[in-house]
Protein backbone atom coordinates (compact mmCIF):
# COMPACT_ATOMS: atom_id res chain seq x y z
CA MET A 1 -62.90 7.38 249.13
CA THR A 2 -65.47 5.00 247.71
CA GLU A 3 -65.21 1.20 247.78
CA LEU A 4 -67.51 -1.34 246.14
CA GLU A 5 -67.21 -5.08 246.76
CA ILE A 6 -67.17 -7.59 243.91
CA ALA A 7 -68.98 -10.89 244.61
CA LEU A 8 -66.67 -13.76 243.72
CA PRO A 9 -68.19 -17.12 242.78
CA SER A 10 -66.78 -19.82 245.07
CA HIS A 11 -66.07 -22.26 242.23
CA ARG A 12 -63.63 -19.96 240.40
CA SER A 13 -59.90 -20.23 241.02
CA PRO A 14 -57.70 -17.24 241.85
CA VAL A 15 -56.24 -17.35 238.33
CA GLN A 16 -59.72 -17.37 236.79
CA ILE A 17 -60.72 -14.37 238.92
CA GLU A 18 -57.55 -12.49 237.95
CA HIS A 19 -58.26 -13.14 234.27
CA SER A 20 -61.92 -12.13 234.66
CA ILE A 21 -60.89 -8.76 236.09
CA GLU A 22 -58.35 -8.11 233.37
CA ARG A 23 -60.70 -9.25 230.55
CA ALA A 24 -63.54 -7.03 231.75
CA CYS A 25 -61.28 -3.99 231.93
CA VAL A 26 -59.77 -4.57 228.48
CA ALA A 27 -63.26 -5.08 227.01
CA ALA A 28 -64.31 -1.76 228.58
CA GLY A 29 -61.41 0.04 226.90
CA LEU A 30 -59.51 0.77 230.10
CA ARG A 31 -55.76 1.25 230.19
CA LEU A 32 -53.73 -0.50 232.88
CA THR A 33 -51.15 1.81 234.44
CA LEU A 34 -49.51 -0.71 236.81
CA LYS A 35 -50.00 -4.20 238.21
CA ALA A 36 -48.66 -4.53 241.73
CA THR A 37 -49.41 -5.59 245.28
CA LEU A 38 -50.27 -3.51 248.33
CA LYS A 39 -48.42 -3.80 251.63
CA GLN A 40 -51.62 -3.70 253.70
CA TYR A 41 -53.04 -6.71 251.76
CA PRO A 42 -50.16 -9.22 251.48
CA GLY A 43 -50.34 -11.30 248.33
CA CYS A 44 -53.02 -9.18 246.70
CA LEU A 45 -53.16 -8.05 243.09
CA HIS A 46 -53.80 -4.37 242.51
CA TRP A 47 -54.63 -2.72 239.22
CA PRO A 48 -55.05 1.05 238.67
CA TYR A 49 -56.95 1.75 235.44
CA LYS A 50 -57.54 4.91 233.42
CA ARG A 51 -59.80 5.57 230.47
CA GLY A 52 -58.00 7.29 227.63
CA ALA A 53 -56.97 10.82 228.53
CA GLU A 54 -60.01 11.32 230.76
CA ARG A 55 -59.62 12.38 234.36
CA GLY A 56 -59.76 9.71 237.07
CA THR A 57 -58.19 6.45 238.20
CA LEU A 58 -60.20 3.36 239.05
CA GLU A 59 -58.41 0.92 241.34
CA ILE A 60 -59.28 -2.76 241.57
CA THR A 61 -57.82 -5.00 244.25
CA TYR A 62 -58.09 -8.77 244.50
CA TRP A 63 -56.92 -10.46 247.70
CA PRO A 64 -56.91 -14.24 247.12
CA ARG A 65 -56.13 -15.10 250.75
CA GLU A 66 -59.38 -13.48 251.88
CA ARG A 67 -61.24 -14.32 248.64
CA ARG A 68 -62.14 -10.65 248.33
CA ALA A 69 -62.11 -8.17 245.45
CA TRP A 70 -63.22 -4.55 245.32
CA PHE A 71 -63.21 -1.33 243.35
CA LYS A 72 -61.80 1.78 244.95
CA VAL A 73 -61.92 5.40 243.92
CA ALA A 74 -59.73 7.63 246.06
CA ARG A 75 -60.75 11.18 246.84
CA GLY A 76 -59.43 13.47 244.12
CA ARG A 77 -59.13 10.63 241.61
CA GLU A 78 -62.78 10.49 240.55
CA GLY A 79 -63.74 10.56 236.90
CA GLU A 80 -67.15 11.17 235.35
CA TRP A 81 -66.85 7.94 233.35
CA MET A 82 -66.74 5.76 236.48
CA ALA A 83 -70.37 6.07 237.62
CA SER A 84 -71.72 4.39 234.50
CA LEU A 85 -68.83 1.98 233.92
CA VAL A 86 -68.28 0.46 237.38
CA PRO A 87 -71.67 -1.34 237.57
CA HIS A 88 -71.01 -2.81 234.11
CA LEU A 89 -67.51 -3.98 235.15
CA LYS A 90 -68.83 -5.43 238.40
CA ARG A 91 -71.45 -7.48 236.55
CA ALA A 92 -68.93 -8.60 233.90
CA ILE A 93 -66.43 -9.80 236.52
CA GLU A 94 -69.05 -11.52 238.67
CA GLN A 95 -70.66 -13.32 235.72
CA ASP A 96 -67.57 -14.13 233.63
CA GLY A 97 -67.60 -17.79 232.68
CA GLU A 98 -71.12 -18.35 234.00
CA THR A 99 -73.55 -20.13 231.75
CA THR A 100 -77.27 -19.68 231.82
CA CYS A 101 -79.94 -22.04 230.55
């Protein structure tokens, strides 16, 4: 299993973070298979995503109570598309709504 943390800007609300995650995944052409919560992280949001008919499932979890979000790829659920896409998604989520001068 591989996990990768997502840095969450402190000024963004839980709803803004949720929308950032979903926007980035839609923009990347990912397909949501479920939106749920996980027993081990009470109150979290958990999204498993697939890309078309390609092999692999990318899981993203956001736990507002701990102000933590991460990507997870479980053993046996890897897909070749993930290695190049995850860094792009991470950057998109972390920088969503940020303005630069």
